Amino acid sequence: MKDVIHEIGEHVVEEAEYVFERCGVASDFAIQGGNVFGSVNRIIWTARTGFEADRFYCTDSFLEAFDKWKGVK
């Protein structure tokens, strides 16, 4: 079971890094904690919802790119 959890964690980190690259702020990628990623711009991952932007910490340009990536209109 630990191997499966580790594998899921690796996938989440890789996907979070991709989100920052896709949103044009690759240098802002960081790991804040177990499920929080970013520095100036932050995203939070949960198994239920996937990635969500922590809108309080994000720049307008990041939010626009993130919403486009996520498919929000």
C-alpha atoms as a PDB file:
ATOM      1  CA  MET A   1       0.000   0.000   0.000  1.00  0.00           C
ATOM      2  CA  LYS A   2       2.853   2.420   0.749  1.00  0.00           C
ATOM      3  CA  ASP A   3       4.144   1.913  -2.797  1.00  0.00           C
ATOM      4  CA  VAL A   4       0.767   2.909  -4.224  1.00  0.00           C
ATOM      5  CA  ILE A   5       0.589   6.024  -2.035  1.00  0.00           C
ATOM      6  CA  HIS A   6       4.132   6.973  -3.039  1.00  0.00           C
ATOM      7  CA  GLU A   7       3.270   6.507  -6.718  1.00  0.00           C
ATOM      8  CA  ILE A   8       0.177   8.708  -6.385  1.00  0.00           C
ATOM      9  CA  GLY A   9       2.271  11.372  -4.649  1.00  0.00           C
ATOM     10  CA  GLU A  10       4.845  11.357  -7.430  1.00  0.00           C
ATOM     11  CA  HIS A  11       2.110  11.736 -10.034  1.00  0.00           C
ATOM     12  CA  VAL A  12       0.523  14.659  -8.165  1.00  0.00           C
ATOM     13  CA  VAL A  13       3.880  16.461  -7.883  1.00  0.00           C
ATOM     14  CA  GLU A  14       4.612  15.937 -11.584  1.00  0.00           C
ATOM     15  CA  GLU A  15       1.180  17.211 -12.537  1.00  0.00           C
ATOM     16  CA  ALA A  16       1.518  20.247 -10.256  1.00  0.00           C
ATOM     17  CA  GLU A  17       4.829  21.105 -11.886  1.00  0.00           C
ATOM     18  CA  TYR A  18       3.142  20.785 -15.297  1.00  0.00           C
ATOM     19  CA  VAL A  19       0.381  23.186 -14.213  1.00  0.00           C
ATOM     20  CA  PHE A  20       2.941  25.866 -13.350  1.00  0.00           C
ATOM     21  CA  GLU A  21       4.739  25.314 -16.656  1.00  0.00           C
ATOM     22  CA  ARG A  22       1.444  25.460 -18.587  1.00  0.00           C
ATOM     23  CA  CYS A  23       0.448  28.653 -16.770  1.00  0.00           C
ATOM     24  CA  GLY A  24       3.722  30.341 -17.716  1.00  0.00           C
ATOM     25  CA  VAL A  25       5.248  30.505 -14.239  1.00  0.00           C
ATOM     26  CA  ALA A  26       7.461  27.417 -14.072  1.00  0.00           C
ATOM     27  CA  SER A  27       9.925  29.187 -11.770  1.00  0.00           C
ATOM     28  CA  ASP A  28       7.136  29.645  -9.196  1.00  0.00           C
ATOM     29  CA  PHE A  29       6.751  25.885  -8.677  1.00  0.00           C
ATOM     30  CA  ALA A  30       7.487  24.782  -5.126  1.00  0.00           C
ATOM     31  CA  ILE A  31       6.133  22.298  -2.640  1.00  0.00           C
ATOM     32  CA  GLN A  32       4.633  24.091   0.377  1.00  0.00           C
ATOM     33  CA  GLY A  33       3.339  20.990   2.097  1.00  0.00           C
ATOM     34  CA  GLY A  34       1.718  17.662   1.376  1.00  0.00           C
ATOM     35  CA  ASN A  35      -0.846  19.035  -1.049  1.00  0.00           C
ATOM     36  CA  VAL A  36       0.007  22.741  -1.521  1.00  0.00           C
ATOM     37  CA  PHE A  37       2.213  23.808  -4.423  1.00  0.00           C
ATOM     38  CA  GLY A  38       3.621  27.137  -5.514  1.00  0.00           C
ATOM     39  CA  SER A  39       5.124  30.256  -4.076  1.00  0.00           C
ATOM     40  CA  VAL A  40       3.508  33.505  -5.220  1.00  0.00           C
ATOM     41  CA  ASN A  41       0.790  31.496  -6.968  1.00  0.00           C
ATOM     42  CA  ARG A  42      -0.555  28.502  -5.073  1.00  0.00           C
ATOM     43  CA  ILE A  43      -2.596  25.490  -6.015  1.00  0.00           C
ATOM     44  CA  ILE A  44      -4.031  22.861  -3.713  1.00  0.00           C
ATOM     45  CA  TRP A  45      -4.625  19.235  -4.646  1.00  0.00           C
ATOM     46  CA  THR A  46      -7.300  16.969  -3.179  1.00  0.00           C
ATOM     47  CA  ALA A  47      -8.396  13.554  -4.338  1.00  0.00           C
ATOM     48  CA  ARG A  48     -11.966  14.804  -4.598  1.00  0.00           C
ATOM     49  CA  THR A  49     -11.464  17.926  -6.724  1.00  0.00           C
ATOM     50  CA  GLY A  50      -7.967  17.628  -8.178  1.00  0.00           C
ATOM     51  CA  PHE A  51      -6.133  20.947  -8.423  1.00  0.00           C
ATOM     52  CA  GLU A  52      -7.763  24.190  -7.364  1.00  0.00           C
ATOM     53  CA  ALA A  53      -6.165  27.614  -7.301  1.00  0.00           C
ATOM     54  CA  ASP A  54      -5.821  29.245  -3.884  1.00  0.00           C
ATOM     55  CA  ARG A  55      -7.265  32.420  -5.341  1.00  0.00           C
ATOM     56  CA  PHE A  56      -6.161  34.614  -2.423  1.00  0.00           C
ATOM     57  CA  TYR A  57      -2.487  33.975  -3.249  1.00  0.00           C
ATOM     58  CA  CYS A  58      -2.627  34.022  -7.061  1.00  0.00           C
ATOM     59  CA  THR A  59      -1.959  36.766  -9.541  1.00  0.00           C
ATOM     60  CA  ASP A  60      -4.672  37.667 -12.023  1.00  0.00           C
ATOM     61  CA  SER A  61      -2.587  36.401 -14.931  1.00  0.00           C
ATOM     62  CA  PHE A  62      -2.013  33.052 -13.218  1.00  0.00           C
ATOM     63  CA  LEU A  63      -5.709  32.700 -12.431  1.00  0.00           C
ATOM     64  CA  GLU A  64      -6.606  33.407 -16.046  1.00  0.00           C
ATOM     65  CA  ALA A  65      -4.121  30.792 -17.297  1.00  0.00           C
ATOM     66  CA  PHE A  66      -5.142  28.283 -14.607  1.00  0.00           C
ATOM     67  CA  ASP A  67      -8.844  28.644 -15.375  1.00  0.00           C
ATOM     68  CA  LYS A  68      -8.098  28.156 -19.060  1.00  0.00           C
ATOM     69  CA  TRP A  69      -6.058  25.020 -18.255  1.00  0.00           C
ATOM     70  CA  LYS A  70      -8.811  23.719 -15.987  1.00  0.00           C
ATOM     71  CA  GLY A  71     -11.483  24.461 -18.580  1.00  0.00           C
ATOM     72  CA  VAL A  72     -13.336  27.079 -16.523  1.00  0.00           C
ATOM     73  CA  LYS A  73     -15.161  29.644 -18.634  1.00  0.00           C
END
